[in-house]
N, C-alpha and C. Protein backbone atom coordinates (compact mmCIF):
# COMPACT_ATOMS: atom_id res chain seq x y z
N MET A 1 0.66 -0.87 0.25
CA MET A 1 0.39 0.09 -0.21
C MET A 1 0.99 1.25 -0.31
N LEU A 2 0.45 2.15 -0.72
CA LEU A 2 0.83 3.72 -1.24
C LEU A 2 0.74 4.54 -0.51
N PHE A 3 1.04 5.93 0.09
CA PHE A 3 0.26 6.65 0.44
C PHE A 3 0.74 7.68 -0.23
N LEU A 4 0.54 8.57 -1.10
CA LEU A 4 1.36 9.64 -1.68
C LEU A 4 1.04 10.84 -2.03
N LEU A 5 1.14 12.04 -1.36
CA LEU A 5 0.87 13.86 -1.13
C LEU A 5 0.94 14.31 -2.28
N LEU A 6 -0.03 15.18 -2.85
CA LEU A 6 -0.35 15.62 -4.05
C LEU A 6 -0.80 16.80 -3.61
N LEU A 7 -0.03 17.67 -4.02
CA LEU A 7 -0.60 19.23 -3.46
C LEU A 7 -0.72 19.97 -5.21
N PRO A 8 -1.66 20.16 -5.96
CA PRO A 8 -1.75 20.59 -6.77
C PRO A 8 -1.42 22.12 -7.39
N LYS A 9 -1.98 22.77 -6.49
CA LYS A 9 -2.01 24.05 -6.81
C LYS A 9 -0.94 25.05 -6.02
N GLN A 10 -1.05 25.39 -5.06
CA GLN A 10 -0.43 26.31 -3.91
C GLN A 10 1.10 25.39 -4.06
N PRO A 11 1.98 26.84 -4.94
CA PRO A 11 3.43 26.35 -4.29
C PRO A 11 3.70 26.13 -2.89
N THR A 12 4.56 25.40 -2.31
CA THR A 12 4.70 24.97 -0.79
C THR A 12 6.13 24.64 -1.32
N LEU A 13 6.58 24.37 0.41
CA LEU A 13 7.48 23.44 0.30
C LEU A 13 8.03 22.20 -0.18
N LEU A 14 6.22 21.31 -0.21
CA LEU A 14 6.01 20.04 -0.28
C LEU A 14 6.26 20.28 -1.81
N THR A 15 5.94 21.17 -2.71
CA THR A 15 5.87 20.67 -4.06
C THR A 15 6.99 20.01 -4.59
N GLY A 16 7.95 20.40 -4.31
CA GLY A 16 9.53 19.61 -5.02
C GLY A 16 8.68 17.87 -4.37
N GLU A 17 8.85 18.05 -3.06
CA GLU A 17 8.33 16.25 -2.74
C GLU A 17 7.47 16.13 -3.85
N THR A 18 6.08 16.78 -3.54
CA THR A 18 4.89 15.66 -4.45
C THR A 18 5.71 15.34 -5.57
N LEU A 19 6.51 16.57 -6.27
CA LEU A 19 6.87 15.85 -7.62
C LEU A 19 7.91 15.19 -7.69
N TYR A 20 8.67 14.86 -6.85
CA TYR A 20 9.33 13.99 -6.81
C TYR A 20 9.00 12.74 -6.56
N SER A 21 7.87 12.84 -6.22
CA SER A 21 7.06 11.17 -5.50
C SER A 21 6.53 11.14 -6.80
N LEU A 22 5.78 11.98 -7.32
CA LEU A 22 5.55 11.49 -8.81
C LEU A 22 6.46 10.74 -10.07
N GLU A 23 7.35 11.50 -9.90
CA GLU A 23 8.59 11.00 -10.59
C GLU A 23 9.27 9.30 -10.20
N CYS A 24 8.76 9.43 -8.80
CA CYS A 24 9.82 8.40 -8.45
C CYS A 24 8.73 7.08 -8.45
N PHE A 25 7.63 6.89 -8.04
CA PHE A 25 6.41 5.96 -7.57
C PHE A 25 5.92 5.77 -8.89
N ALA A 26 5.18 6.51 -9.62
CA ALA A 26 3.99 6.58 -10.84
C ALA A 26 4.87 5.50 -11.41
N PRO A 27 6.03 5.53 -12.22
CA PRO A 27 6.10 4.47 -13.06
C PRO A 27 5.53 3.07 -12.84
N ARG A 28 6.53 3.06 -11.20
CA ARG A 28 6.62 1.55 -11.03
C ARG A 28 5.07 1.29 -10.20
N ILE A 29 3.96 1.75 -10.20
CA ILE A 29 2.81 1.88 -9.88
C ILE A 29 1.80 1.85 -10.98
N ARG A 30 2.52 2.32 -12.28
CA ARG A 30 1.87 2.22 -13.12
C ARG A 30 2.07 0.67 -14.00
N GLY A 31 2.95 0.36 -13.35
CA GLY A 31 3.42 -0.98 -14.16
C GLY A 31 3.13 -2.26 -13.08
N ILE A 32 2.70 -1.92 -12.12
CA ILE A 32 1.64 -3.11 -10.99
C ILE A 32 0.66 -4.03 -12.09
N GLU A 33 0.46 -5.01 -12.50
CA GLU A 33 -1.22 -5.93 -13.02
C GLU A 33 -1.53 -6.67 -11.62
N SER A 34 -2.41 -6.31 -10.97
CA SER A 34 -2.99 -7.14 -9.99
C SER A 34 -4.11 -8.36 -9.81
N GLY A 35 -4.38 -7.99 -11.35
CA GLY A 35 -5.12 -9.17 -11.93
C GLY A 35 -6.80 -8.45 -11.67
N PRO A 36 -7.79 -9.59 -12.00
CA PRO A 36 -8.99 -9.63 -11.20
C PRO A 36 -8.88 -9.37 -9.79
N ALA A 37 -10.34 -8.38 -9.29
CA ALA A 37 -10.59 -8.60 -7.71
C ALA A 37 -10.69 -9.69 -7.67
N ARG A 38 -10.75 -10.19 -6.04
CA ARG A 38 -10.98 -11.02 -6.01
C ARG A 38 -11.80 -11.47 -4.56
N LYS A 39 -12.50 -11.80 -3.96
CA LYS A 39 -13.32 -11.25 -2.80
C LYS A 39 -12.84 -12.26 -1.56
N GLN A 40 -12.40 -11.81 -0.31
CA GLN A 40 -12.08 -12.46 0.35
C GLN A 40 -13.18 -13.33 1.48
N VAL A 41 -12.98 -14.34 1.69
CA VAL A 41 -14.07 -15.04 2.39
C VAL A 41 -13.62 -16.18 2.96
N ASP A 42 -14.25 -15.74 4.14
CA ASP A 42 -13.96 -16.34 5.77
C ASP A 42 -15.00 -17.93 5.53
N LEU A 43 -13.78 -18.82 5.77
CA LEU A 43 -14.59 -20.38 5.27
C LEU A 43 -15.46 -20.41 6.72
N SER A 44 -15.01 -20.23 7.91
CA SER A 44 -16.12 -20.24 8.63
C SER A 44 -17.65 -19.53 8.55
N GLU A 45 -17.20 -18.04 8.15
CA GLU A 45 -18.33 -17.48 7.95
C GLU A 45 -19.40 -18.53 7.25
N LEU A 46 -18.68 -18.78 6.20
CA LEU A 46 -19.13 -19.12 4.44
C LEU A 46 -19.77 -20.49 5.07
N PHE A 47 -19.23 -21.39 5.59
CA PHE A 47 -19.75 -22.50 6.10
C PHE A 47 -20.94 -22.40 7.28
N LYS A 48 -20.86 -21.47 8.24
CA LYS A 48 -22.00 -21.37 9.00
C LYS A 48 -23.37 -20.66 8.01
N TYR A 49 -23.22 -20.11 6.90
CA TYR A 49 -23.93 -19.64 6.21
C TYR A 49 -24.65 -20.83 5.41
N THR A 50 -23.95 -21.49 5.14
CA THR A 50 -24.49 -22.54 4.03
C THR A 50 -25.29 -23.39 4.82
N GLN A 51 -24.94 -23.79 6.31
CA GLN A 51 -25.76 -24.90 7.15
C GLN A 51 -26.87 -23.93 7.69
N MET A 52 -26.83 -22.79 7.89
CA MET A 52 -28.15 -21.76 8.07
C MET A 52 -29.00 -21.60 6.86
N ALA A 53 -28.70 -21.67 5.48
CA ALA A 53 -29.60 -22.34 4.85
C ALA A 53 -29.90 -23.78 4.41
N GLU A 54 -29.34 -24.71 4.58
CA GLU A 54 -29.55 -25.86 4.58
C GLU A 54 -30.67 -26.42 5.56
N LYS A 55 -30.48 -25.38 6.92
CA LYS A 55 -31.27 -25.83 7.43
C LYS A 55 -32.62 -25.02 7.42
N ALA A 56 -32.69 -24.14 6.73
CA ALA A 56 -33.84 -22.79 6.24
C ALA A 56 -34.69 -24.02 5.45
N LYS A 57 -33.96 -24.77 4.18
CA LYS A 57 -34.81 -25.24 3.51
C LYS A 57 -35.15 -26.92 3.70
N HIS A 58 -34.41 -27.46 5.13
CA HIS A 58 -34.90 -28.47 5.47
C HIS A 58 -36.06 -28.14 6.12
N ASP A 59 -36.14 -27.24 7.19
CA ASP A 59 -37.68 -26.26 7.75
C ASP A 59 -38.18 -26.36 6.87
N GLU A 60 -38.34 -25.80 5.95
CA GLU A 60 -39.18 -25.12 4.72
C GLU A 60 -39.54 -26.57 4.34
N LYS A 61 -39.09 -27.50 4.10
CA LYS A 61 -39.92 -29.45 3.43
C LYS A 61 -40.55 -29.52 5.18
N GLU A 62 -40.29 -29.73 5.76
CA GLU A 62 -40.97 -29.84 7.30
C GLU A 62 -41.86 -29.39 7.30
N THR A 63 -41.72 -27.86 7.33
CA THR A 63 -43.12 -26.64 7.71
C THR A 63 -44.46 -27.57 6.29
N LYS A 64 -43.99 -27.78 4.88
CA LYS A 64 -44.76 -28.00 4.12
C LYS A 64 -45.59 -29.19 4.63
N LYS A 65 -44.75 -30.38 4.68
CA LYS A 65 -45.47 -31.66 5.18
C LYS A 65 -46.60 -31.31 6.16
N ILE A 66 -45.88 -30.66 7.36
CA ILE A 66 -47.30 -30.24 8.28
C ILE A 66 -48.35 -29.61 7.94
N HIS A 67 -48.10 -28.45 6.52
CA HIS A 67 -49.28 -27.84 6.07
C HIS A 67 -50.10 -29.12 6.17
N ASP A 68 -49.53 -30.08 4.68
CA ASP A 68 -50.23 -30.75 3.92
C ASP A 68 -51.36 -31.83 4.83
N SER A 69 -50.17 -32.15 5.83
CA SER A 69 -50.92 -32.97 6.67
C SER A 69 -52.07 -32.32 7.86
N LEU A 70 -52.14 -31.28 8.28
CA LEU A 70 -52.81 -30.03 8.18
C LEU A 70 -54.47 -30.23 7.77
N GLN A 71 -54.36 -30.18 5.90
CA GLN A 71 -54.71 -30.30 4.86
C GLN A 71 -56.09 -31.30 4.99
N ASN A 72 -55.19 -32.02 4.80
CA ASN A 72 -55.61 -33.10 5.33
C ASN A 72 -56.40 -34.40 6.12
N LEU A 73 -55.82 -33.47 7.30
CA LEU A 73 -56.92 -33.55 8.56
C LEU A 73 -58.46 -32.86 8.49
N GLN A 74 -57.98 -31.81 8.06
CA GLN A 74 -59.08 -30.67 8.15
C GLN A 74 -60.23 -31.53 7.17
N LEU A 75 -59.86 -32.09 6.03
CA LEU A 75 -60.62 -32.64 5.32
C LEU A 75 -61.16 -33.85 5.64
N ARG A 76 -60.83 -34.57 6.50
CA ARG A 76 -61.14 -35.59 7.00
C ARG A 76 -62.14 -35.22 8.31
N LEU A 77 -61.47 -34.49 8.87
CA LEU A 77 -62.60 -33.37 10.09
C LEU A 77 -64.03 -33.19 9.05
N ALA A 78 -63.74 -32.42 7.73
CA ALA A 78 -64.89 -32.06 7.41
C ALA A 78 -66.01 -33.27 6.94
N GLU A 79 -65.64 -34.32 6.32
CA GLU A 79 -65.88 -35.49 6.18
C GLU A 79 -66.76 -36.46 7.09
N ARG A 80 -66.42 -36.16 8.41
CA ARG A 80 -66.62 -37.11 9.35
C ARG A 80 -67.74 -35.78 9.84
N GLU A 81 -67.72 -34.21 10.03
CA GLU A 81 -68.87 -33.71 10.54
C GLU A 81 -69.86 -33.72 9.54
N TYR A 82 -69.92 -34.12 8.39
CA TYR A 82 -71.03 -34.14 7.51
C TYR A 82 -71.78 -35.70 7.64
N HIS A 83 -71.20 -37.05 7.74
CA HIS A 83 -71.60 -38.13 7.86
C HIS A 83 -72.08 -38.03 9.32
N CYS A 84 -71.80 -37.48 10.10
CA CYS A 84 -72.29 -36.94 11.48
C CYS A 84 -73.57 -36.13 11.69
N LYS A 85 -73.77 -35.17 11.00
CA LYS A 85 -74.63 -34.45 10.79
C LYS A 85 -75.72 -35.28 9.87
N ASN A 86 -75.43 -36.24 8.81
CA ASN A 86 -76.70 -37.18 8.11
C ASN A 86 -77.10 -37.60 9.23
N PHE A 87 -75.93 -38.53 10.08
CA PHE A 87 -76.65 -39.25 10.74
C PHE A 87 -77.82 -39.12 12.47
N GLN A 88 -77.38 -37.98 12.43
CA GLN A 88 -78.13 -36.86 13.39
C GLN A 88 -79.65 -36.93 12.88
N GLU A 89 -79.43 -36.36 11.35
CA GLU A 89 -80.75 -35.93 10.55
C GLU A 89 -81.78 -37.33 10.26
N LYS A 90 -80.72 -38.73 10.20
CA LYS A 90 -81.28 -40.13 10.70
C LYS A 90 -82.30 -40.16 11.74
N VAL A 91 -81.63 -40.24 12.63
CA VAL A 91 -81.89 -40.45 13.95
C VAL A 91 -83.16 -39.55 14.26
N ARG A 92 -83.23 -38.08 13.83
CA ARG A 92 -84.47 -37.55 14.07
C ARG A 92 -85.24 -37.98 13.59
N TYR A 93 -85.14 -38.28 12.00
CA TYR A 93 -86.29 -38.88 11.18
C TYR A 93 -87.12 -40.29 11.58
N VAL A 94 -86.44 -40.95 12.42
CA VAL A 94 -86.78 -42.12 12.95
C VAL A 94 -87.39 -42.02 14.39
N GLU A 95 -86.89 -41.39 15.17
CA GLU A 95 -87.71 -40.65 16.22
C GLU A 95 -88.97 -40.03 16.07
N ASN A 96 -88.96 -38.80 14.76
CA ASN A 96 -90.37 -38.77 14.33
C ASN A 96 -91.09 -40.32 14.18
N GLN A 97 -90.82 -41.14 13.22
CA GLN A 97 -91.60 -41.88 13.41
C GLN A 97 -92.12 -42.86 14.04
N VAL A 98 -91.05 -43.07 15.22
CA VAL A 98 -91.51 -43.79 16.27
C VAL A 98 -92.63 -43.25 17.10
N ALA A 99 -92.33 -41.41 17.33
CA ALA A 99 -93.23 -41.04 17.71
C ALA A 99 -94.94 -40.97 17.57
N LYS A 100 -94.93 -41.48 15.85
CA LYS A 100 -96.03 -41.01 14.95
C LYS A 100 -96.86 -42.48 15.72
N GLU A 101 -95.74 -43.28 15.32
CA GLU A 101 -96.60 -44.54 15.49
C GLU A 101 -97.28 -44.87 17.14
N LYS A 102 -96.04 -43.97 18.02
CA LYS A 102 -96.85 -44.48 19.64
C LYS A 102 -98.42 -43.47 19.43
N LYS A 103 -98.58 -42.63 18.95
CA LYS A 103 -99.69 -41.96 18.51
C LYS A 103 -100.87 -42.64 18.05
N LEU A 104 -100.47 -43.56 17.00
CA LEU A 104 -101.44 -44.24 16.71
C LEU A 104 -102.18 -45.53 17.06
N ASP A 105 -100.97 -45.89 18.08
CA ASP A 105 -101.40 -46.93 19.18
C ASP A 105 -102.19 -46.83 20.21
């Protein structure tokens, strides 16, 4: 890393130093090829986030299974309530028939 002091407008005692720095270091800096930028990655952080992502996917699958199971149970409950209502109507009908027969006797 290189820090370079540049004073572009006002002539001061440091103007000579600025020019010297430019003459000496600019050609060297111009010749540096660093290649494409690379991102530094902390592997422990990467591993932690990978595990979090995998857990989130697993939790999502489990949530979907529970949701599907809940829907299935709700359908079964609705079906049983329908049958129960039908049986109750049949019982009322039979009770009414029995009551009519008793009146006739």
